[in-house]
Amino acid sequence: MDKAKKTIRFQYDADLIGIKGWNDIQVYITTWDKEGGEGAYRGLTKKPSMWMFGALDTKGPLILDAVMLTL
């Protein structure tokens, strides 16, 4: 991650995940939150509060931000 350039770089070996290359590949990137640096992933509750995210489906996927990239 380069804060000054506002970029995040990730590198994966295409062969290790069963693709020939990265052309025309879509990548779905998501973020979530942990409690403290080494804490557990923050859970979902029916009612949001200062330290908890609220959701109608508390068993749903933990996605705070998401972006789909086509390479």
PDB file of N, CA and C in Angstrom:
ATOM      1  N   MET A   1       0.844  -1.155   0.000  1.00  0.00           N
ATOM      2  CA  MET A   1       0.000   0.000   0.000  1.00  0.00           C
ATOM      3  C   MET A   1       0.900   1.232   0.000  1.00  0.00           C
ATOM      4  N   ASP A   2       0.542   2.177  -0.852  1.00  0.00           N
ATOM      5  CA  ASP A   2       1.283   3.436  -0.934  1.00  0.00           C
ATOM      6  C   ASP A   2       0.290   4.567  -0.673  1.00  0.00           C
ATOM      7  N   LYS A   3       0.289   5.091   0.539  1.00  0.00           N
ATOM      8  CA  LYS A   3      -0.662   6.140   0.898  1.00  0.00           C
ATOM      9  C   LYS A   3      -0.480   7.393   0.055  1.00  0.00           C
ATOM     10  N   ALA A   4       0.765   7.762  -0.225  1.00  0.00           N
ATOM     11  CA  ALA A   4       1.030   8.978  -1.000  1.00  0.00           C
ATOM     12  C   ALA A   4       0.443   8.884  -2.405  1.00  0.00           C
ATOM     13  N   LYS A   5       0.555   7.714  -3.023  1.00  0.00           N
ATOM     14  CA  LYS A   5       0.029   7.515  -4.384  1.00  0.00           C
ATOM     15  C   LYS A   5      -1.420   7.031  -4.383  1.00  0.00           C
ATOM     16  N   LYS A   6      -1.945   6.748  -3.169  1.00  0.00           N
ATOM     17  CA  LYS A   6      -3.306   6.227  -3.017  1.00  0.00           C
ATOM     18  C   LYS A   6      -3.496   4.964  -3.851  1.00  0.00           C
ATOM     19  N   THR A   7      -2.559   4.048  -3.711  1.00  0.00           N
ATOM     20  CA  THR A   7      -2.623   2.779  -4.448  1.00  0.00           C
ATOM     21  C   THR A   7      -2.408   1.601  -3.509  1.00  0.00           C
ATOM     22  N   ILE A   8      -2.981   0.481  -3.898  1.00  0.00           N
ATOM     23  CA  ILE A   8      -2.751  -0.797  -3.235  1.00  0.00           C
ATOM     24  C   ILE A   8      -2.289  -1.763  -4.313  1.00  0.00           C
ATOM     25  N   ARG A   9      -1.203  -2.459  -4.066  1.00  0.00           N
ATOM     26  CA  ARG A   9      -0.675  -3.400  -5.044  1.00  0.00           C
ATOM     27  C   ARG A   9      -0.789  -4.803  -4.474  1.00  0.00           C
ATOM     28  N   PHE A  10      -1.280  -5.717  -5.278  1.00  0.00           N
ATOM     29  CA  PHE A  10      -1.302  -7.111  -4.864  1.00  0.00           C
ATOM     30  C   PHE A  10      -0.725  -7.948  -5.990  1.00  0.00           C
ATOM     31  N   GLN A  11      -0.132  -9.061  -5.611  1.00  0.00           N
ATOM     32  CA  GLN A  11       0.547  -9.909  -6.591  1.00  0.00           C
ATOM     33  C   GLN A  11       0.199 -11.365  -6.312  1.00  0.00           C
ATOM     34  N   TYR A  12      -0.275 -12.052  -7.341  1.00  0.00           N
ATOM     35  CA  TYR A  12      -0.600 -13.466  -7.248  1.00  0.00           C
ATOM     36  C   TYR A  12      -0.064 -14.171  -8.472  1.00  0.00           C
ATOM     37  N   ASP A  13       0.382 -15.378  -8.308  1.00  0.00           N
ATOM     38  CA  ASP A  13       0.831 -16.209  -9.418  1.00  0.00           C
ATOM     39  C   ASP A  13      -0.402 -16.839 -10.047  1.00  0.00           C
ATOM     40  N   ALA A  14      -0.706 -16.469 -11.279  1.00  0.00           N
ATOM     41  CA  ALA A  14      -1.912 -16.949 -11.964  1.00  0.00           C
ATOM     42  C   ALA A  14      -1.970 -18.474 -11.985  1.00  0.00           C
ATOM     43  N   ASP A  15      -0.842 -19.139 -12.188  1.00  0.00           N
ATOM     44  CA  ASP A  15      -0.822 -20.608 -12.231  1.00  0.00           C
ATOM     45  C   ASP A  15      -1.314 -21.230 -10.928  1.00  0.00           C
ATOM     46  N   LEU A  16      -1.024 -20.592  -9.810  1.00  0.00           N
ATOM     47  CA  LEU A  16      -1.415 -21.157  -8.521  1.00  0.00           C
ATOM     48  C   LEU A  16      -2.923 -21.137  -8.288  1.00  0.00           C
ATOM     49  N   ILE A  17      -3.632 -20.274  -9.016  1.00  0.00           N
ATOM     50  CA  ILE A  17      -5.093 -20.237  -8.853  1.00  0.00           C
ATOM     51  C   ILE A  17      -5.825 -20.700 -10.103  1.00  0.00           C
ATOM     52  N   GLY A  18      -5.100 -21.351 -11.006  1.00  0.00           N
ATOM     53  CA  GLY A  18      -5.729 -22.027 -12.140  1.00  0.00           C
ATOM     54  C   GLY A  18      -6.105 -21.168 -13.328  1.00  0.00           C
ATOM     55  N   ILE A  19      -5.419 -20.038 -13.528  1.00  0.00           N
ATOM     56  CA  ILE A  19      -5.682 -19.235 -14.717  1.00  0.00           C
ATOM     57  C   ILE A  19      -4.381 -19.064 -15.492  1.00  0.00           C
ATOM     58  N   LYS A  20      -4.501 -18.794 -16.801  1.00  0.00           N
ATOM     59  CA  LYS A  20      -3.314 -18.664 -17.651  1.00  0.00           C
ATOM     60  C   LYS A  20      -2.663 -17.293 -17.534  1.00  0.00           C
ATOM     61  N   GLY A  21      -3.441 -16.292 -17.208  1.00  0.00           N
ATOM     62  CA  GLY A  21      -2.929 -14.935 -17.106  1.00  0.00           C
ATOM     63  C   GLY A  21      -3.998 -14.022 -16.540  1.00  0.00           C
ATOM     64  N   TRP A  22      -3.688 -12.724 -16.458  1.00  0.00           N
ATOM     65  CA  TRP A  22      -4.588 -11.765 -15.833  1.00  0.00           C
ATOM     66  C   TRP A  22      -5.401 -10.943 -16.826  1.00  0.00           C
ATOM     67  N   ASN A  23      -5.199 -11.121 -18.136  1.00  0.00           N
ATOM     68  CA  ASN A  23      -5.982 -10.366 -19.123  1.00  0.00           C
ATOM     69  C   ASN A  23      -7.447 -10.770 -19.063  1.00  0.00           C
ATOM     70  N   ASP A  24      -8.337  -9.790 -19.066  1.00  0.00           N
ATOM     71  CA  ASP A  24      -9.795  -9.989 -19.055  1.00  0.00           C
ATOM     72  C   ASP A  24     -10.304 -10.727 -17.816  1.00  0.00           C
ATOM     73  N   ILE A  25      -9.573 -10.667 -16.733  1.00  0.00           N
ATOM     74  CA  ILE A  25      -9.987 -11.290 -15.476  1.00  0.00           C
ATOM     75  C   ILE A  25     -10.644 -10.229 -14.608  1.00  0.00           C
ATOM     76  N   GLN A  26     -11.724 -10.614 -13.934  1.00  0.00           N
ATOM     77  CA  GLN A  26     -12.363  -9.714 -12.981  1.00  0.00           C
ATOM     78  C   GLN A  26     -11.933 -10.111 -11.574  1.00  0.00           C
ATOM     79  N   VAL A  27     -11.587  -9.116 -10.766  1.00  0.00           N
ATOM     80  CA  VAL A  27     -11.163  -9.333  -9.394  1.00  0.00           C
ATOM     81  C   VAL A  27     -12.103  -8.558  -8.486  1.00  0.00           C
ATOM     82  N   TYR A  28     -12.682  -9.246  -7.515  1.00  0.00           N
ATOM     83  CA  TYR A  28     -13.596  -8.633  -6.552  1.00  0.00           C
ATOM     84  C   TYR A  28     -12.849  -8.499  -5.229  1.00  0.00           C
ATOM     85  N   ILE A  29     -12.621  -7.266  -4.791  1.00  0.00           N
ATOM     86  CA  ILE A  29     -11.858  -6.990  -3.582  1.00  0.00           C
ATOM     87  C   ILE A  29     -12.792  -6.412  -2.531  1.00  0.00           C
ATOM     88  N   THR A  30     -12.718  -6.949  -1.318  1.00  0.00           N
ATOM     89  CA  THR A  30     -13.563  -6.458  -0.233  1.00  0.00           C
ATOM     90  C   THR A  30     -12.710  -6.143   0.994  1.00  0.00           C
ATOM     91  N   THR A  31     -13.272  -5.315   1.875  1.00  0.00           N
ATOM     92  CA  THR A  31     -12.629  -5.028   3.153  1.00  0.00           C
ATOM     93  C   THR A  31     -13.615  -5.280   4.281  1.00  0.00           C
ATOM     94  N   TRP A  32     -13.081  -5.445   5.472  1.00  0.00           N
ATOM     95  CA  TRP A  32     -13.878  -5.565   6.685  1.00  0.00           C
ATOM     96  C   TRP A  32     -13.052  -5.000   7.820  1.00  0.00           C
ATOM     97  N   ASP A  33     -13.536  -5.071   9.019  1.00  0.00           N
ATOM     98  CA  ASP A  33     -12.897  -4.438  10.158  1.00  0.00           C
ATOM     99  C   ASP A  33     -12.615  -5.454  11.261  1.00  0.00           C
ATOM    100  N   LYS A  34     -11.482  -5.290  11.929  1.00  0.00           N
ATOM    101  CA  LYS A  34     -11.152  -6.108  13.095  1.00  0.00           C
ATOM    102  C   LYS A  34     -11.195  -5.236  14.341  1.00  0.00           C
ATOM    103  N   GLU A  35     -11.461  -5.861  15.457  1.00  0.00           N
ATOM    104  CA  GLU A  35     -11.451  -5.160  16.737  1.00  0.00           C
ATOM    105  C   GLU A  35     -10.011  -5.072  17.214  1.00  0.00           C
ATOM    106  N   GLY A  36      -9.422  -3.885  17.139  1.00  0.00           N
ATOM    107  CA  GLY A  36      -8.021  -3.740  17.507  1.00  0.00           C
ATOM    108  C   GLY A  36      -7.122  -4.335  16.439  1.00  0.00           C
ATOM    109  N   GLY A  37      -5.832  -4.184  16.605  1.00  0.00           N
ATOM    110  CA  GLY A  37      -4.888  -4.666  15.602  1.00  0.00           C
ATOM    111  C   GLY A  37      -4.912  -6.167  15.391  1.00  0.00           C
ATOM    112  N   GLU A  38      -4.991  -6.924  16.475  1.00  0.00           N
ATOM    113  CA  GLU A  38      -4.942  -8.387  16.384  1.00  0.00           C
ATOM    114  C   GLU A  38      -6.257  -9.033  16.801  1.00  0.00           C
ATOM    115  N   GLY A  39      -7.297  -8.240  16.950  1.00  0.00           N
ATOM    116  CA  GLY A  39      -8.571  -8.759  17.443  1.00  0.00           C
ATOM    117  C   GLY A  39      -9.320  -9.592  16.424  1.00  0.00           C
ATOM    118  N   ALA A  40     -10.475 -10.080  16.841  1.00  0.00           N
ATOM    119  CA  ALA A  40     -11.345 -10.865  15.968  1.00  0.00           C
ATOM    120  C   ALA A  40     -12.067  -9.939  15.000  1.00  0.00           C
ATOM    121  N   TYR A  41     -12.590 -10.519  13.929  1.00  0.00           N
ATOM    122  CA  TYR A  41     -13.384  -9.716  13.005  1.00  0.00           C
ATOM    123  C   TYR A  41     -14.601  -9.169  13.732  1.00  0.00           C
ATOM    124  N   ARG A  42     -14.918  -7.901  13.477  1.00  0.00           N
ATOM    125  CA  ARG A  42     -16.065  -7.252  14.101  1.00  0.00           C
ATOM    126  C   ARG A  42     -17.342  -7.919  13.600  1.00  0.00           C
ATOM    127  N   GLY A  43     -18.246  -8.239  14.502  1.00  0.00           N
ATOM    128  CA  GLY A  43     -19.481  -8.928  14.141  1.00  0.00           C
ATOM    129  C   GLY A  43     -20.583  -7.987  13.680  1.00  0.00           C
ATOM    130  N   LEU A  44     -21.698  -8.571  13.320  1.00  0.00           N
ATOM    131  CA  LEU A  44     -22.899  -7.825  12.921  1.00  0.00           C
ATOM    132  C   LEU A  44     -23.967  -8.013  13.988  1.00  0.00           C
ATOM    133  N   THR A  45     -24.709  -6.953  14.263  1.00  0.00           N
ATOM    134  CA  THR A  45     -25.831  -7.030  15.191  1.00  0.00           C
ATOM    135  C   THR A  45     -27.058  -6.430  14.525  1.00  0.00           C
ATOM    136  N   LYS A  46     -28.227  -6.778  15.039  1.00  0.00           N
ATOM    137  CA  LYS A  46     -29.468  -6.221  14.476  1.00  0.00           C
ATOM    138  C   LYS A  46     -29.515  -4.709  14.640  1.00  0.00           C
ATOM    139  N   LYS A  47     -28.950  -4.213  15.757  1.00  0.00           N
ATOM    140  CA  LYS A  47     -28.983  -2.780  16.035  1.00  0.00           C
ATOM    141  C   LYS A  47     -27.548  -2.240  16.048  1.00  0.00           C
ATOM    142  N   PRO A  48     -27.207  -1.307  15.155  1.00  0.00           N
ATOM    143  CA  PRO A  48     -25.850  -0.770  15.133  1.00  0.00           C
ATOM    144  C   PRO A  48     -25.556   0.035  16.396  1.00  0.00           C
ATOM    145  N   SER A  49     -24.302   0.088  16.752  1.00  0.00           N
ATOM    146  CA  SER A  49     -23.866   0.900  17.885  1.00  0.00           C
ATOM    147  C   SER A  49     -22.507   1.502  17.542  1.00  0.00           C
ATOM    148  N   MET A  50     -21.899   2.190  18.494  1.00  0.00           N
ATOM    149  CA  MET A  50     -20.632   2.855  18.238  1.00  0.00           C
ATOM    150  C   MET A  50     -19.550   1.876  17.760  1.00  0.00           C
ATOM    151  N   TRP A  51     -19.553   0.648  18.272  1.00  0.00           N
ATOM    152  CA  TRP A  51     -18.486  -0.299  17.951  1.00  0.00           C
ATOM    153  C   TRP A  51     -18.971  -1.525  17.188  1.00  0.00           C
ATOM    154  N   MET A  52     -20.228  -1.550  16.769  1.00  0.00           N
ATOM    155  CA  MET A  52     -20.777  -2.706  16.043  1.00  0.00           C
ATOM    156  C   MET A  52     -21.526  -2.239  14.801  1.00  0.00           C
ATOM    157  N   PHE A  53     -21.398  -2.995  13.726  1.00  0.00           N
ATOM    158  CA  PHE A  53     -22.131  -2.716  12.500  1.00  0.00           C
ATOM    159  C   PHE A  53     -23.493  -3.386  12.574  1.00  0.00           C
ATOM    160  N   GLY A  54     -24.515  -2.701  12.088  1.00  0.00           N
ATOM    161  CA  GLY A  54     -25.854  -3.254  12.078  1.00  0.00           C
ATOM    162  C   GLY A  54     -26.221  -3.820  10.719  1.00  0.00           C
ATOM    163  N   ALA A  55     -27.041  -4.873  10.734  1.00  0.00           N
ATOM    164  CA  ALA A  55     -27.499  -5.500   9.490  1.00  0.00           C
ATOM    165  C   ALA A  55     -28.769  -6.280   9.761  1.00  0.00           C
ATOM    166  N   LEU A  56     -29.656  -6.316   8.781  1.00  0.00           N
ATOM    167  CA  LEU A  56     -30.863  -7.124   8.931  1.00  0.00           C
ATOM    168  C   LEU A  56     -30.510  -8.605   8.998  1.00  0.00           C
ATOM    169  N   ASP A  57     -29.512  -9.011   8.203  1.00  0.00           N
ATOM    170  CA  ASP A  57     -29.062 -10.402   8.183  1.00  0.00           C
ATOM    171  C   ASP A  57     -27.719 -10.477   8.909  1.00  0.00           C
ATOM    172  N   THR A  58     -27.732 -10.873  10.174  1.00  0.00           N
ATOM    173  CA  THR A  58     -26.491 -10.896  10.957  1.00  0.00           C
ATOM    174  C   THR A  58     -25.587 -12.068  10.587  1.00  0.00           C
ATOM    175  N   LYS A  59     -26.038 -12.953   9.723  1.00  0.00           N
ATOM    176  CA  LYS A  59     -25.221 -14.079   9.247  1.00  0.00           C
ATOM    177  C   LYS A  59     -24.690 -13.798   7.840  1.00  0.00           C
ATOM    178  N   GLY A  60     -24.944 -12.586   7.340  1.00  0.00           N
ATOM    179  CA  GLY A  60     -24.546 -12.221   5.982  1.00  0.00           C
ATOM    180  C   GLY A  60     -23.041 -12.083   5.829  1.00  0.00           C
ATOM    181  N   PRO A  61     -22.590 -11.850   4.611  1.00  0.00           N
ATOM    182  CA  PRO A  61     -21.154 -11.690   4.374  1.00  0.00           C
ATOM    183  C   PRO A  61     -20.620 -10.424   5.038  1.00  0.00           C
ATOM    184  N   LEU A  62     -19.389 -10.482   5.495  1.00  0.00           N
ATOM    185  CA  LEU A  62     -18.760  -9.339   6.150  1.00  0.00           C
ATOM    186  C   LEU A  62     -18.032  -8.512   5.094  1.00  0.00           C
ATOM    187  N   ILE A  63     -18.761  -7.565   4.503  1.00  0.00           N
ATOM    188  CA  ILE A  63     -18.202  -6.701   3.459  1.00  0.00           C
ATOM    189  C   ILE A  63     -18.507  -5.252   3.827  1.00  0.00           C
ATOM    190  N   LEU A  64     -17.443  -4.484   4.052  1.00  0.00           N
ATOM    191  CA  LEU A  64     -17.612  -3.073   4.395  1.00  0.00           C
ATOM    192  C   LEU A  64     -17.478  -2.212   3.138  1.00  0.00           C
ATOM    193  N   ASP A  65     -16.431  -2.444   2.375  1.00  0.00           N
ATOM    194  CA  ASP A  65     -16.199  -1.775   1.099  1.00  0.00           C
ATOM    195  C   ASP A  65     -15.938  -2.844   0.060  1.00  0.00           C
ATOM    196  N   ALA A  66     -16.285  -2.541  -1.187  1.00  0.00           N
ATOM    197  CA  ALA A  66     -16.055  -3.511  -2.251  1.00  0.00           C
ATOM    198  C   ALA A  66     -15.801  -2.795  -3.560  1.00  0.00           C
ATOM    199  N   VAL A  67     -14.975  -3.424  -4.397  1.00  0.00           N
ATOM    200  CA  VAL A  67     -14.709  -2.911  -5.726  1.00  0.00           C
ATOM    201  C   VAL A  67     -14.494  -4.091  -6.661  1.00  0.00           C
ATOM    202  N   MET A  68     -15.013  -3.986  -7.892  1.00  0.00           N
ATOM    203  CA  MET A  68     -14.800  -5.005  -8.914  1.00  0.00           C
ATOM    204  C   MET A  68     -13.863  -4.411  -9.954  1.00  0.00           C
ATOM    205  N   LEU A  69     -12.747  -5.073 -10.206  1.00  0.00           N
ATOM    206  CA  LEU A  69     -11.777  -4.618 -11.194  1.00  0.00           C
ATOM    207  C   LEU A  69     -11.743  -5.574 -12.363  1.00  0.00           C
ATOM    208  N   THR A  70     -11.688  -5.048 -13.583  1.00  0.00           N
ATOM    209  CA  THR A  70     -11.458  -5.863 -14.764  1.00  0.00           C
ATOM    210  C   THR A  70     -10.054  -5.551 -15.252  1.00  0.00           C
ATOM    211  N   LEU A  71      -9.218  -6.577 -15.296  1.00  0.00           N
ATOM    212  CA  LEU A  71      -7.809  -6.382 -15.647  1.00  0.00           C
ATOM    213  C   LEU A  71      -7.574  -6.595 -17.125  1.00  0.00           C
TER     214      LEU A  71
END
